[in-house]
């Protein structure tokens, strides 16, 4: 089972293969209850882009500044999760949740 705020390499290829080429780091956003009960997970890409937008949250990950790109969230089959590479530090979790709440508020 995967957990919220873990970072996984995710195969974003059109088809799942044993040799994924379009593999990107993504943050798991779906709540743990969803992750336990469904075969899918809601993820957002994690990138080193220097462009800042209101829909992107800056975090420190793997000794560098990264952005959780909330304007590109998607649902993927958990079979696309190639490898866990870390976890978002607790200090950055609340800003991610708050930004998501802003995005989906009425």
PDB file of N, CA and C in Angstrom:
ATOM      1  N   UNK A   1       0.831  -1.186   0.000  1.00  0.00           N
ATOM      2  CA  UNK A   1       0.000   0.000   0.000  1.00  0.00           C
ATOM      3  C   UNK A   1       0.877   1.252   0.000  1.00  0.00           C
ATOM      4  N   UNK A   2       0.426   2.249  -0.709  1.00  0.00           N
ATOM      5  CA  UNK A   2       1.129   3.529  -0.708  1.00  0.00           C
ATOM      6  C   UNK A   2       0.477   4.452   0.312  1.00  0.00           C
ATOM      7  N   UNK A   3       1.203   5.478   0.718  1.00  0.00           N
ATOM      8  CA  UNK A   3       0.698   6.429   1.703  1.00  0.00           C
ATOM      9  C   UNK A   3       0.773   7.847   1.166  1.00  0.00           C
ATOM     10  N   UNK A   4      -0.131   8.672   1.657  1.00  0.00           N
ATOM     11  CA  UNK A   4      -0.161  10.080   1.281  1.00  0.00           C
ATOM     12  C   UNK A   4       1.178  10.732   1.594  1.00  0.00           C
ATOM     13  N   UNK A   5       1.634  11.561   0.684  1.00  0.00           N
ATOM     14  CA  UNK A   5       2.871  12.334   0.751  1.00  0.00           C
ATOM     15  C   UNK A   5       4.132  11.532   0.450  1.00  0.00           C
ATOM     16  N   UNK A   6       3.992  10.258   0.106  1.00  0.00           N
ATOM     17  CA  UNK A   6       5.145   9.546  -0.409  1.00  0.00           C
ATOM     18  C   UNK A   6       5.435  10.070  -1.811  1.00  0.00           C
ATOM     19  N   UNK A   7       6.694   9.960  -2.221  1.00  0.00           N
ATOM     20  CA  UNK A   7       7.087  10.326  -3.583  1.00  0.00           C
ATOM     21  C   UNK A   7       7.510   9.043  -4.284  1.00  0.00           C
ATOM     22  N   UNK A   8       6.891   8.796  -5.427  1.00  0.00           N
ATOM     23  CA  UNK A   8       7.178   7.599  -6.217  1.00  0.00           C
ATOM     24  C   UNK A   8       7.565   8.002  -7.624  1.00  0.00           C
ATOM     25  N   UNK A   9       8.397   7.194  -8.247  1.00  0.00           N
ATOM     26  CA  UNK A   9       8.565   7.299  -9.685  1.00  0.00           C
ATOM     27  C   UNK A   9       7.331   6.658 -10.287  1.00  0.00           C
ATOM     28  N   UNK A  10       6.670   7.371 -11.210  1.00  0.00           N
ATOM     29  CA  UNK A  10       5.414   6.903 -11.791  1.00  0.00           C
ATOM     30  C   UNK A  10       5.585   6.791 -13.303  1.00  0.00           C
ATOM     31  N   UNK A  11       5.207   5.648 -13.849  1.00  0.00           N
ATOM     32  CA  UNK A  11       5.238   5.447 -15.287  1.00  0.00           C
ATOM     33  C   UNK A  11       4.031   6.154 -15.898  1.00  0.00           C
ATOM     34  N   UNK A  12       4.295   7.164 -16.711  1.00  0.00           N
ATOM     35  CA  UNK A  12       3.223   7.917 -17.361  1.00  0.00           C
ATOM     36  C   UNK A  12       3.108   7.560 -18.839  1.00  0.00           C
ATOM     37  N   UNK A  13       3.720   6.435 -19.238  1.00  0.00           N
ATOM     38  CA  UNK A  13       3.603   5.953 -20.611  1.00  0.00           C
ATOM     39  C   UNK A  13       2.143   5.600 -20.897  1.00  0.00           C
ATOM     40  N   UNK A  14       1.771   5.604 -22.181  1.00  0.00           N
ATOM     41  CA  UNK A  14       0.404   5.264 -22.571  1.00  0.00           C
ATOM     42  C   UNK A  14       0.032   3.853 -22.114  1.00  0.00           C
ATOM     43  N   UNK A  15       0.976   2.920 -22.197  1.00  0.00           N
ATOM     44  CA  UNK A  15       0.749   1.551 -21.752  1.00  0.00           C
ATOM     45  C   UNK A  15       1.804   1.169 -20.715  1.00  0.00           C
ATOM     46  N   UNK A  16       1.398   0.353 -19.755  1.00  0.00           N
ATOM     47  CA  UNK A  16       2.343  -0.126 -18.743  1.00  0.00           C
ATOM     48  C   UNK A  16       3.222  -1.201 -19.372  1.00  0.00           C
ATOM     49  N   UNK A  17       4.531  -0.994 -19.310  1.00  0.00           N
ATOM     50  CA  UNK A  17       5.477  -1.973 -19.849  1.00  0.00           C
ATOM     51  C   UNK A  17       6.555  -2.254 -18.807  1.00  0.00           C
ATOM     52  N   UNK A  18       7.372  -3.247 -19.082  1.00  0.00           N
ATOM     53  CA  UNK A  18       8.466  -3.562 -18.151  1.00  0.00           C
ATOM     54  C   UNK A  18       9.618  -2.567 -18.280  1.00  0.00           C
ATOM     55  N   UNK A  19       9.582  -1.719 -19.323  1.00  0.00           N
ATOM     56  CA  UNK A  19      10.631  -0.723 -19.559  1.00  0.00           C
ATOM     57  C   UNK A  19      10.003   0.671 -19.705  1.00  0.00           C
ATOM     58  N   UNK A  20       9.541   1.250 -18.581  1.00  0.00           N
ATOM     59  CA  UNK A  20       8.901   2.563 -18.686  1.00  0.00           C
ATOM     60  C   UNK A  20       9.905   3.635 -19.109  1.00  0.00           C
ATOM     61  N   UNK A  21       9.502   4.452 -20.078  1.00  0.00           N
ATOM     62  CA  UNK A  21      10.386   5.508 -20.575  1.00  0.00           C
ATOM     63  C   UNK A  21       9.999   6.877 -20.020  1.00  0.00           C
ATOM     64  N   UNK A  22       8.707   7.116 -19.875  1.00  0.00           N
ATOM     65  CA  UNK A  22       8.218   8.401 -19.378  1.00  0.00           C
ATOM     66  C   UNK A  22       7.912   8.260 -17.892  1.00  0.00           C
ATOM     67  N   UNK A  23       8.955   8.175 -17.088  1.00  0.00           N
ATOM     68  CA  UNK A  23       8.819   7.976 -15.647  1.00  0.00           C
ATOM     69  C   UNK A  23       9.188   9.268 -14.932  1.00  0.00           C
ATOM     70  N   UNK A  24       8.287   9.746 -14.091  1.00  0.00           N
ATOM     71  CA  UNK A  24       8.476  11.017 -13.403  1.00  0.00           C
ATOM     72  C   UNK A  24       8.209  10.861 -11.907  1.00  0.00           C
ATOM     73  N   UNK A  25       8.889  11.652 -11.077  1.00  0.00           N
ATOM     74  CA  UNK A  25       8.564  11.629  -9.648  1.00  0.00           C
ATOM     75  C   UNK A  25       7.229  12.326  -9.412  1.00  0.00           C
ATOM     76  N   UNK A  26       6.395  11.696  -8.586  1.00  0.00           N
ATOM     77  CA  UNK A  26       5.085  12.252  -8.256  1.00  0.00           C
ATOM     78  C   UNK A  26       4.819  12.075  -6.768  1.00  0.00           C
ATOM     79  N   UNK A  27       4.071  13.027  -6.213  1.00  0.00           N
ATOM     80  CA  UNK A  27       3.655  12.981  -4.812  1.00  0.00           C
ATOM     81  C   UNK A  27       2.270  12.344  -4.750  1.00  0.00           C
ATOM     82  N   UNK A  28       2.091  11.399  -3.838  1.00  0.00           N
ATOM     83  CA  UNK A  28       0.776  10.796  -3.629  1.00  0.00           C
ATOM     84  C   UNK A  28      -0.069  11.802  -2.851  1.00  0.00           C
ATOM     85  N   UNK A  29      -1.220  12.199  -3.410  1.00  0.00           N
ATOM     86  CA  UNK A  29      -2.109  13.160  -2.760  1.00  0.00           C
ATOM     87  C   UNK A  29      -3.348  12.501  -2.166  1.00  0.00           C
ATOM     88  N   UNK A  30      -3.725  11.346  -2.681  1.00  0.00           N
ATOM     89  CA  UNK A  30      -4.955  10.704  -2.206  1.00  0.00           C
ATOM     90  C   UNK A  30      -4.803  10.269  -0.752  1.00  0.00           C
ATOM     91  N   UNK A  31      -5.899  10.387   0.015  1.00  0.00           N
ATOM     92  CA  UNK A  31      -5.867   9.974   1.425  1.00  0.00           C
ATOM     93  C   UNK A  31      -5.572   8.477   1.551  1.00  0.00           C
ATOM     94  N   UNK A  32      -5.008   8.095   2.680  1.00  0.00           N
ATOM     95  CA  UNK A  32      -4.624   6.702   2.891  1.00  0.00           C
ATOM     96  C   UNK A  32      -5.807   5.745   2.791  1.00  0.00           C
ATOM     97  N   UNK A  33      -6.996   6.170   3.208  1.00  0.00           N
ATOM     98  CA  UNK A  33      -8.174   5.308   3.097  1.00  0.00           C
ATOM     99  C   UNK A  33      -8.462   4.969   1.632  1.00  0.00           C
ATOM    100  N   UNK A  34      -8.304   5.938   0.759  1.00  0.00           N
ATOM    101  CA  UNK A  34      -8.481   5.705  -0.672  1.00  0.00           C
ATOM    102  C   UNK A  34      -7.382   4.770  -1.171  1.00  0.00           C
ATOM    103  N   UNK A  35      -6.154   5.028  -0.766  1.00  0.00           N
ATOM    104  CA  UNK A  35      -5.025   4.206  -1.219  1.00  0.00           C
ATOM    105  C   UNK A  35      -5.172   2.746  -0.798  1.00  0.00           C
ATOM    106  N   UNK A  36      -5.773   2.518   0.374  1.00  0.00           N
ATOM    107  CA  UNK A  36      -5.978   1.153   0.868  1.00  0.00           C
ATOM    108  C   UNK A  36      -7.097   0.424   0.130  1.00  0.00           C
ATOM    109  N   UNK A  37      -8.127   1.153  -0.284  1.00  0.00           N
ATOM    110  CA  UNK A  37      -9.337   0.521  -0.789  1.00  0.00           C
ATOM    111  C   UNK A  37      -9.516   0.561  -2.297  1.00  0.00           C
ATOM    112  N   UNK A  38      -8.737   1.346  -2.996  1.00  0.00           N
ATOM    113  CA  UNK A  38      -8.833   1.418  -4.445  1.00  0.00           C
ATOM    114  C   UNK A  38      -7.495   1.026  -5.060  1.00  0.00           C
ATOM    115  N   UNK A  39      -7.518   0.668  -6.305  1.00  0.00           N
ATOM    116  CA  UNK A  39      -6.287   0.304  -7.002  1.00  0.00           C
ATOM    117  C   UNK A  39      -5.680   1.503  -7.714  1.00  0.00           C
ATOM    118  N   UNK A  40      -6.201   2.683  -7.409  1.00  0.00           N
ATOM    119  CA  UNK A  40      -5.691   3.910  -8.015  1.00  0.00           C
ATOM    120  C   UNK A  40      -5.168   4.842  -6.931  1.00  0.00           C
ATOM    121  N   UNK A  41      -4.402   5.834  -7.353  1.00  0.00           N
ATOM    122  CA  UNK A  41      -3.893   6.868  -6.451  1.00  0.00           C
ATOM    123  C   UNK A  41      -3.932   8.206  -7.188  1.00  0.00           C
ATOM    124  N   UNK A  42      -4.211   9.250  -6.454  1.00  0.00           N
ATOM    125  CA  UNK A  42      -4.180  10.602  -7.015  1.00  0.00           C
ATOM    126  C   UNK A  42      -2.772  11.142  -6.784  1.00  0.00           C
ATOM    127  N   UNK A  43      -2.135  11.613  -7.858  1.00  0.00           N
ATOM    128  CA  UNK A  43      -0.743  12.063  -7.776  1.00  0.00           C
ATOM    129  C   UNK A  43      -0.584  13.434  -8.419  1.00  0.00           C
ATOM    130  N   UNK A  44       0.493  14.107  -8.037  1.00  0.00           N
ATOM    131  CA  UNK A  44       0.899  15.362  -8.669  1.00  0.00           C
ATOM    132  C   UNK A  44       2.389  15.270  -8.974  1.00  0.00           C
ATOM    133  N   UNK A  45       2.797  15.716 -10.153  1.00  0.00           N
ATOM    134  CA  UNK A  45       4.219  15.680 -10.498  1.00  0.00           C
ATOM    135  C   UNK A  45       5.056  16.549  -9.557  1.00  0.00           C
ATOM    136  N   UNK A  46       6.296  16.154  -9.378  1.00  0.00           N
ATOM    137  CA  UNK A  46       7.269  16.899  -8.595  1.00  0.00           C
ATOM    138  C   UNK A  46       8.375  17.305  -9.565  1.00  0.00           C
ATOM    139  N   UNK A  47       8.629  18.602  -9.693  1.00  0.00           N
ATOM    140  CA  UNK A  47       9.574  19.073 -10.706  1.00  0.00           C
ATOM    141  C   UNK A  47      10.537  20.097 -10.134  1.00  0.00           C
ATOM    142  N   UNK A  48      11.619  20.318 -10.867  1.00  0.00           N
ATOM    143  CA  UNK A  48      12.627  21.299 -10.462  1.00  0.00           C
ATOM    144  C   UNK A  48      12.456  22.621 -11.188  1.00  0.00           C
ATOM    145  N   UNK A  49      11.330  22.796 -11.864  1.00  0.00           N
ATOM    146  CA  UNK A  49      11.091  24.016 -12.622  1.00  0.00           C
ATOM    147  C   UNK A  49      11.304  25.266 -11.763  1.00  0.00           C
ATOM    148  N   UNK A  50      11.815  26.309 -12.366  1.00  0.00           N
ATOM    149  CA  UNK A  50      12.025  27.558 -11.646  1.00  0.00           C
ATOM    150  C   UNK A  50      10.815  28.487 -11.769  1.00  0.00           C
ATOM    151  N   UNK A  51       9.890  28.124 -12.644  1.00  0.00           N
ATOM    152  CA  UNK A  51       8.690  28.919 -12.838  1.00  0.00           C
ATOM    153  C   UNK A  51       7.736  28.703 -11.679  1.00  0.00           C
ATOM    154  N   UNK A  52       7.333  29.788 -11.046  1.00  0.00           N
ATOM    155  CA  UNK A  52       6.417  29.689  -9.917  1.00  0.00           C
ATOM    156  C   UNK A  52       5.033  30.147 -10.352  1.00  0.00           C
ATOM    157  N   UNK A  53       4.018  29.368  -9.981  1.00  0.00           N
ATOM    158  CA  UNK A  53       2.624  29.671 -10.235  1.00  0.00           C
ATOM    159  C   UNK A  53       1.863  29.492  -8.931  1.00  0.00           C
ATOM    160  N   UNK A  54       0.696  30.090  -8.821  1.00  0.00           N
ATOM    161  CA  UNK A  54      -0.099  29.899  -7.598  1.00  0.00           C
ATOM    162  C   UNK A  54      -0.522  28.452  -7.365  1.00  0.00           C
ATOM    163  N   UNK A  55      -0.502  27.638  -8.413  1.00  0.00           N
ATOM    164  CA  UNK A  55      -0.920  26.242  -8.284  1.00  0.00           C
ATOM    165  C   UNK A  55       0.255  25.309  -8.003  1.00  0.00           C
ATOM    166  N   UNK A  56       1.401  25.874  -7.674  1.00  0.00           N
ATOM    167  CA  UNK A  56       2.591  25.065  -7.388  1.00  0.00           C
ATOM    168  C   UNK A  56       3.101  25.372  -5.982  1.00  0.00           C
ATOM    169  N   UNK A  57       3.441  24.322  -5.264  1.00  0.00           N
ATOM    170  CA  UNK A  57       3.905  24.460  -3.882  1.00  0.00           C
ATOM    171  C   UNK A  57       5.374  24.068  -3.835  1.00  0.00           C
ATOM    172  N   UNK A  58       6.193  24.967  -3.309  1.00  0.00           N
ATOM    173  CA  UNK A  58       7.625  24.712  -3.198  1.00  0.00           C
ATOM    174  C   UNK A  58       7.907  23.840  -1.980  1.00  0.00           C
ATOM    175  N   UNK A  59       8.725  22.807  -2.188  1.00  0.00           N
ATOM    176  CA  UNK A  59       9.130  21.904  -1.110  1.00  0.00           C
ATOM    177  C   UNK A  59      10.627  21.653  -1.224  1.00  0.00           C
ATOM    178  N   UNK A  60      11.211  21.196  -0.141  1.00  0.00           N
ATOM    179  CA  UNK A  60      12.592  20.713  -0.160  1.00  0.00           C
ATOM    180  C   UNK A  60      12.523  19.196  -0.243  1.00  0.00           C
ATOM    181  N   UNK A  61      13.180  18.632  -1.259  1.00  0.00           N
ATOM    182  CA  UNK A  61      13.170  17.177  -1.434  1.00  0.00           C
ATOM    183  C   UNK A  61      14.466  16.764  -2.102  1.00  0.00           C
ATOM    184  N   UNK A  62      15.086  15.713  -1.588  1.00  0.00           N
ATOM    185  CA  UNK A  62      16.369  15.219  -2.101  1.00  0.00           C
ATOM    186  C   UNK A  62      17.406  16.340  -2.204  1.00  0.00           C
ATOM    187  N   UNK A  63      17.537  17.084  -1.127  1.00  0.00           N
ATOM    188  CA  UNK A  63      18.533  18.157  -1.007  1.00  0.00           C
ATOM    189  C   UNK A  63      18.378  19.260  -2.051  1.00  0.00           C
ATOM    190  N   UNK A  64      17.162  19.488  -2.507  1.00  0.00           N
ATOM    191  CA  UNK A  64      16.949  20.548  -3.482  1.00  0.00           C
ATOM    192  C   UNK A  64      15.549  21.108  -3.416  1.00  0.00           C
ATOM    193  N   UNK A  65      15.390  22.234  -4.069  1.00  0.00           N
ATOM    194  CA  UNK A  65      14.090  22.896  -4.131  1.00  0.00           C
ATOM    195  C   UNK A  65      13.290  22.309  -5.295  1.00  0.00           C
ATOM    196  N   UNK A  66      12.087  21.853  -4.997  1.00  0.00           N
ATOM    197  CA  UNK A  66      11.217  21.257  -5.995  1.00  0.00           C
ATOM    198  C   UNK A  66       9.840  21.905  -5.899  1.00  0.00           C
ATOM    199  N   UNK A  67       9.009  21.651  -6.911  1.00  0.00           N
ATOM    200  CA  UNK A  67       7.639  22.162  -6.908  1.00  0.00           C
ATOM    201  C   UNK A  67       6.667  21.007  -7.101  1.00  0.00           C
ATOM    202  N   UNK A  68       5.645  20.949  -6.235  1.00  0.00           N
ATOM    203  CA  UNK A  68       4.538  20.024  -6.419  1.00  0.00           C
ATOM    204  C   UNK A  68       3.573  20.742  -7.353  1.00  0.00           C
ATOM    205  N   UNK A  69       3.347  20.172  -8.532  1.00  0.00           N
ATOM    206  CA  UNK A  69       2.588  20.848  -9.587  1.00  0.00           C
ATOM    207  C   UNK A  69       1.119  20.431  -9.492  1.00  0.00           C
ATOM    208  N   UNK A  70       0.347  21.190  -8.722  1.00  0.00           N
ATOM    209  CA  UNK A  70      -1.038  20.835  -8.452  1.00  0.00           C
ATOM    210  C   UNK A  70      -1.965  21.110  -9.633  1.00  0.00           C
ATOM    211  N   UNK A  71      -1.500  21.849 -10.641  1.00  0.00           N
ATOM    212  CA  UNK A  71      -2.336  22.062 -11.822  1.00  0.00           C
ATOM    213  C   UNK A  71      -2.216  20.890 -12.797  1.00  0.00           C
ATOM    214  N   UNK A  72      -1.466  19.853 -12.418  1.00  0.00           N
ATOM    215  CA  UNK A  72      -1.332  18.668 -13.270  1.00  0.00           C
ATOM    216  C   UNK A  72      -1.655  17.376 -12.513  1.00  0.00           C
ATOM    217  N   UNK A  73      -2.541  17.463 -11.514  1.00  0.00           N
ATOM    218  CA  UNK A  73      -2.890  16.243 -10.776  1.00  0.00           C
ATOM    219  C   UNK A  73      -3.625  15.272 -11.694  1.00  0.00           C
ATOM    220  N   UNK A  74      -3.455  14.006 -11.394  1.00  0.00           N
ATOM    221  CA  UNK A  74      -4.143  12.964 -12.155  1.00  0.00           C
ATOM    222  C   UNK A  74      -4.269  11.721 -11.304  1.00  0.00           C
ATOM    223  N   UNK A  75      -5.157  10.851 -11.723  1.00  0.00           N
ATOM    224  CA  UNK A  75      -5.339   9.568 -11.056  1.00  0.00           C
ATOM    225  C   UNK A  75      -4.652   8.502 -11.889  1.00  0.00           C
ATOM    226  N   UNK A  76      -3.858   7.662 -11.235  1.00  0.00           N
ATOM    227  CA  UNK A  76      -3.144   6.590 -11.932  1.00  0.00           C
ATOM    228  C   UNK A  76      -3.395   5.267 -11.219  1.00  0.00           C
ATOM    229  N   UNK A  77      -3.309   4.202 -11.968  1.00  0.00           N
ATOM    230  CA  UNK A  77      -3.371   2.871 -11.398  1.00  0.00           C
ATOM    231  C   UNK A  77      -2.114   2.673 -10.542  1.00  0.00           C
ATOM    232  N   UNK A  78      -2.278   2.076  -9.378  1.00  0.00           N
ATOM    233  CA  UNK A  78      -1.114   1.884  -8.507  1.00  0.00           C
ATOM    234  C   UNK A  78      -0.058   0.988  -9.146  1.00  0.00           C
ATOM    235  N   UNK A  79      -0.427   0.228 -10.168  1.00  0.00           N
ATOM    236  CA  UNK A  79       0.541  -0.566 -10.904  1.00  0.00           C
ATOM    237  C   UNK A  79       1.546   0.284 -11.658  1.00  0.00           C
ATOM    238  N   UNK A  80       1.245   1.569 -11.835  1.00  0.00           N
ATOM    239  CA  UNK A  80       2.164   2.493 -12.511  1.00  0.00           C
ATOM    240  C   UNK A  80       3.232   3.057 -11.564  1.00  0.00           C
ATOM    241  N   UNK A  81       3.092   2.784 -10.279  1.00  0.00           N
ATOM    242  CA  UNK A  81       4.076   3.270  -9.306  1.00  0.00           C
ATOM    243  C   UNK A  81       5.287   2.348  -9.376  1.00  0.00           C
ATOM    244  N   UNK A  82       6.387   2.876  -9.909  1.00  0.00           N
ATOM    245  CA  UNK A  82       7.575   2.071 -10.180  1.00  0.00           C
ATOM    246  C   UNK A  82       8.415   1.856  -8.932  1.00  0.00           C
ATOM    247  N   UNK A  83       8.646   2.941  -8.175  1.00  0.00           N
ATOM    248  CA  UNK A  83       9.564   2.848  -7.037  1.00  0.00           C
ATOM    249  C   UNK A  83       9.343   4.027  -6.100  1.00  0.00           C
ATOM    250  N   UNK A  84       9.307   3.744  -4.801  1.00  0.00           N
ATOM    251  CA  UNK A  84       9.231   4.816  -3.804  1.00  0.00           C
ATOM    252  C   UNK A  84      10.616   5.430  -3.674  1.00  0.00           C
ATOM    253  N   UNK A  85      10.684   6.784  -3.753  1.00  0.00           N
ATOM    254  CA  UNK A  85      11.991   7.438  -3.641  1.00  0.00           C
ATOM    255  C   UNK A  85      12.090   8.363  -2.436  1.00  0.00           C
ATOM    256  N   UNK A  86      11.001   8.483  -1.677  1.00  0.00           N
ATOM    257  CA  UNK A  86      11.071   9.320  -0.484  1.00  0.00           C
ATOM    258  C   UNK A  86       9.701   9.730   0.007  1.00  0.00           C
ATOM    259  N   UNK A  87       9.711  10.678   0.944  1.00  0.00           N
ATOM    260  CA  UNK A  87       8.486  11.192   1.555  1.00  0.00           C
ATOM    261  C   UNK A  87       8.637  12.701   1.711  1.00  0.00           C
ATOM    262  N   UNK A  88       7.568  13.436   1.443  1.00  0.00           N
ATOM    263  CA  UNK A  88       7.568  14.886   1.657  1.00  0.00           C
ATOM    264  C   UNK A  88       7.614  15.155   3.155  1.00  0.00           C
ATOM    265  N   UNK A  89       8.507  16.015   3.575  1.00  0.00           N
ATOM    266  CA  UNK A  89       8.667  16.359   4.985  1.00  0.00           C
ATOM    267  C   UNK A  89       7.377  16.976   5.535  1.00  0.00           C
ATOM    268  N   UNK A  90       7.110  16.717   6.812  1.00  0.00           N
ATOM    269  CA  UNK A  90       5.880  17.216   7.450  1.00  0.00           C
ATOM    270  C   UNK A  90       5.723  18.722   7.345  1.00  0.00           C
ATOM    271  N   UNK A  91       6.810  19.465   7.328  1.00  0.00           N
ATOM    272  CA  UNK A  91       6.740  20.933   7.261  1.00  0.00           C
ATOM    273  C   UNK A  91       6.081  21.421   5.972  1.00  0.00           C
ATOM    274  N   UNK A  92       6.083  20.597   4.921  1.00  0.00           N
ATOM    275  CA  UNK A  92       5.538  21.013   3.622  1.00  0.00           C
ATOM    276  C   UNK A  92       4.160  20.430   3.338  1.00  0.00           C
ATOM    277  N   UNK A  93       3.666  19.575   4.198  1.00  0.00           N
ATOM    278  CA  UNK A  93       2.384  18.914   3.943  1.00  0.00           C
ATOM    279  C   UNK A  93       1.199  19.863   4.060  1.00  0.00           C
ATOM    280  N   UNK A  94       1.164  20.676   5.096  1.00  0.00           N
ATOM    281  CA  UNK A  94       0.045  21.600   5.306  1.00  0.00           C
ATOM    282  C   UNK A  94      -0.089  22.570   4.136  1.00  0.00           C
ATOM    283  N   UNK A  95       0.993  23.186   3.629  1.00  0.00           N
ATOM    284  CA  UNK A  95       0.846  24.076   2.471  1.00  0.00           C
ATOM    285  C   UNK A  95       0.273  23.378   1.238  1.00  0.00           C
ATOM    286  N   UNK A  96       0.594  22.107   1.041  1.00  0.00           N
ATOM    287  CA  UNK A  96       0.040  21.365  -0.093  1.00  0.00           C
ATOM    288  C   UNK A  96      -1.469  21.209   0.077  1.00  0.00           C
ATOM    289  N   UNK A  97      -1.904  20.790   1.261  1.00  0.00           N
ATOM    290  CA  UNK A  97      -3.334  20.606   1.535  1.00  0.00           C
ATOM    291  C   UNK A  97      -4.078  21.935   1.419  1.00  0.00           C
ATOM    292  N   UNK A  98      -3.497  22.990   1.967  1.00  0.00           N
ATOM    293  CA  UNK A  98      -4.161  24.301   1.896  1.00  0.00           C
ATOM    294  C   UNK A  98      -4.312  24.782   0.459  1.00  0.00           C
ATOM    295  N   UNK A  99      -3.300  24.546  -0.368  1.00  0.00           N
ATOM    296  CA  UNK A  99      -3.388  24.956  -1.776  1.00  0.00           C
ATOM    297  C   UNK A  99      -4.453  24.140  -2.512  1.00  0.00           C
ATOM    298  N   UNK A 100      -4.547  22.848  -2.204  1.00  0.00           N
ATOM    299  CA  UNK A 100      -5.589  22.019  -2.803  1.00  0.00           C
ATOM    300  C   UNK A 100      -6.976  22.519  -2.396  1.00  0.00           C
ATOM    301  N   UNK A 101      -7.133  22.892  -1.129  1.00  0.00           N
ATOM    302  CA  UNK A 101      -8.419  23.417  -0.680  1.00  0.00           C
ATOM    303  C   UNK A 101      -8.773  24.705  -1.412  1.00  0.00           C
ATOM    304  N   UNK A 102      -7.798  25.568  -1.641  1.00  0.00           N
ATOM    305  CA  UNK A 102      -8.035  26.799  -2.393  1.00  0.00           C
ATOM    306  C   UNK A 102      -8.454  26.490  -3.830  1.00  0.00           C
ATOM    307  N   UNK A 103      -7.805  25.521  -4.447  1.00  0.00           N
ATOM    308  CA  UNK A 103      -8.099  25.172  -5.834  1.00  0.00           C
ATOM    309  C   UNK A 103      -9.524  24.661  -6.009  1.00  0.00           C
ATOM    310  N   UNK A 104     -10.028  23.927  -5.023  1.00  0.00           N
ATOM    311  CA  UNK A 104     -11.335  23.303  -5.177  1.00  0.00           C
ATOM    312  C   UNK A 104     -12.440  23.976  -4.367  1.00  0.00           C
ATOM    313  N   UNK A 105     -12.154  25.129  -3.774  1.00  0.00           N
ATOM    314  CA  UNK A 105     -13.172  25.869  -3.044  1.00  0.00           C
ATOM    315  C   UNK A 105     -14.173  26.477  -4.029  1.00  0.00           C
ATOM    316  N   UNK A 106     -15.361  26.714  -3.559  1.00  0.00           N
ATOM    317  CA  UNK A 106     -16.391  27.329  -4.410  1.00  0.00           C
ATOM    318  C   UNK A 106     -16.113  28.795  -4.607  1.00  0.00           C
TER     319      UNK A 106
END
